[in-house]
Amino acid sequence: MGKKFGLVLAGSVLIGVFLAWMLLKGTNAVQAWIDPNPWLGFAAWGIAWLCVLGGAALIARVVFSTEADRVDEVD
């Protein structure tokens, strides 16, 4: 139970990092860093997408995993 909660929490944090980047990338302060150096923007874009994909993978691991101690009833 604790491991599943931790995986869901970590996945949610990673997706939150992606959403924060999507909100912050259009602000003047971030644009001032990205405009002179397009490689920095490309790297941040790649890291943000890796975060969302990793977060979704962690949550999917919890949702679609089989429980070893689950007993299916047979009639």
Protein backbone atom coordinates (compact mmCIF):
# COMPACT_ATOMS: atom_id res chain seq x y z
CA MET A 1 0.00 0.00 0.00
CA GLY A 2 2.77 2.44 0.90
CA LYS A 3 4.76 1.66 -2.24
CA LYS A 4 1.73 2.25 -4.45
CA PHE A 5 0.98 5.54 -2.75
CA GLY A 6 4.59 6.61 -3.19
CA LEU A 7 4.56 5.74 -6.90
CA VAL A 8 1.33 7.66 -7.48
CA LEU A 9 2.69 10.63 -5.52
CA ALA A 10 5.96 10.62 -7.47
CA GLY A 11 4.07 10.37 -10.77
CA SER A 12 1.83 13.25 -9.77
CA VAL A 13 4.85 15.38 -8.87
CA LEU A 14 6.46 14.68 -12.23
CA ILE A 15 3.27 15.60 -14.07
CA GLY A 16 3.09 18.73 -11.90
CA VAL A 17 6.60 19.69 -13.04
CA PHE A 18 5.43 19.41 -16.65
CA LEU A 19 2.34 21.54 -15.98
CA ALA A 20 4.43 24.14 -14.14
CA TRP A 21 6.77 24.36 -17.14
CA MET A 22 3.81 24.79 -19.48
CA LEU A 23 2.58 27.70 -17.35
CA LEU A 24 5.97 29.33 -16.82
CA LYS A 25 7.43 29.05 -20.31
CA GLY A 26 5.43 32.01 -21.57
CA THR A 27 6.42 34.42 -18.81
CA ASN A 28 8.82 37.27 -19.48
CA ALA A 29 11.41 36.00 -17.01
CA VAL A 30 11.65 32.58 -18.64
CA GLN A 31 11.57 34.04 -22.16
CA ALA A 32 14.52 36.26 -21.24
CA TRP A 33 16.56 33.08 -20.54
CA ILE A 34 15.32 31.09 -23.52
CA ASP A 35 15.39 33.70 -26.33
CA PRO A 36 19.18 34.20 -26.43
CA ASN A 37 19.89 30.48 -26.11
CA PRO A 38 17.47 28.21 -28.01
CA TRP A 39 19.30 25.07 -26.82
CA LEU A 40 18.27 25.89 -23.26
CA GLY A 41 14.64 26.03 -24.33
CA PHE A 42 14.97 22.78 -26.25
CA ALA A 43 16.56 21.05 -23.24
CA ALA A 44 13.84 22.33 -20.90
CA TRP A 45 11.17 21.21 -23.36
CA GLY A 46 12.70 17.73 -23.52
CA ILE A 47 13.02 17.44 -19.74
CA ALA A 48 9.40 18.55 -19.30
CA TRP A 49 8.16 15.88 -21.71
CA LEU A 50 10.29 13.23 -20.02
CA CYS A 51 8.71 14.25 -16.71
CA VAL A 52 5.16 13.88 -18.00
CA LEU A 53 5.89 10.54 -19.66
CA GLY A 54 7.70 9.25 -16.57
CA GLY A 55 4.89 10.39 -14.31
CA ALA A 56 2.28 8.74 -16.48
CA ALA A 57 4.34 5.54 -16.52
CA LEU A 58 4.58 5.49 -12.72
CA ILE A 59 0.84 5.96 -12.32
CA ALA A 60 0.12 3.35 -15.00
CA ARG A 61 2.41 0.92 -13.18
CA VAL A 62 0.21 1.21 -10.09
CA VAL A 63 -3.09 1.09 -11.95
CA PHE A 64 -2.28 -1.86 -14.19
CA SER A 65 -0.10 -3.94 -11.87
CA THR A 66 -1.31 -7.29 -10.62
CA GLU A 67 -1.39 -7.90 -6.91
CA ALA A 68 0.43 -11.03 -5.81
CA ASP A 69 -1.77 -11.59 -2.78
CA ARG A 70 -5.09 -11.01 -4.56
CA VAL A 71 -7.29 -14.11 -4.62
CA ASP A 72 -9.84 -14.48 -7.38
CA GLU A 73 -12.99 -16.32 -6.38
CA VAL A 74 -14.04 -19.22 -8.55
CA ASP A 75 -17.65 -20.41 -8.41
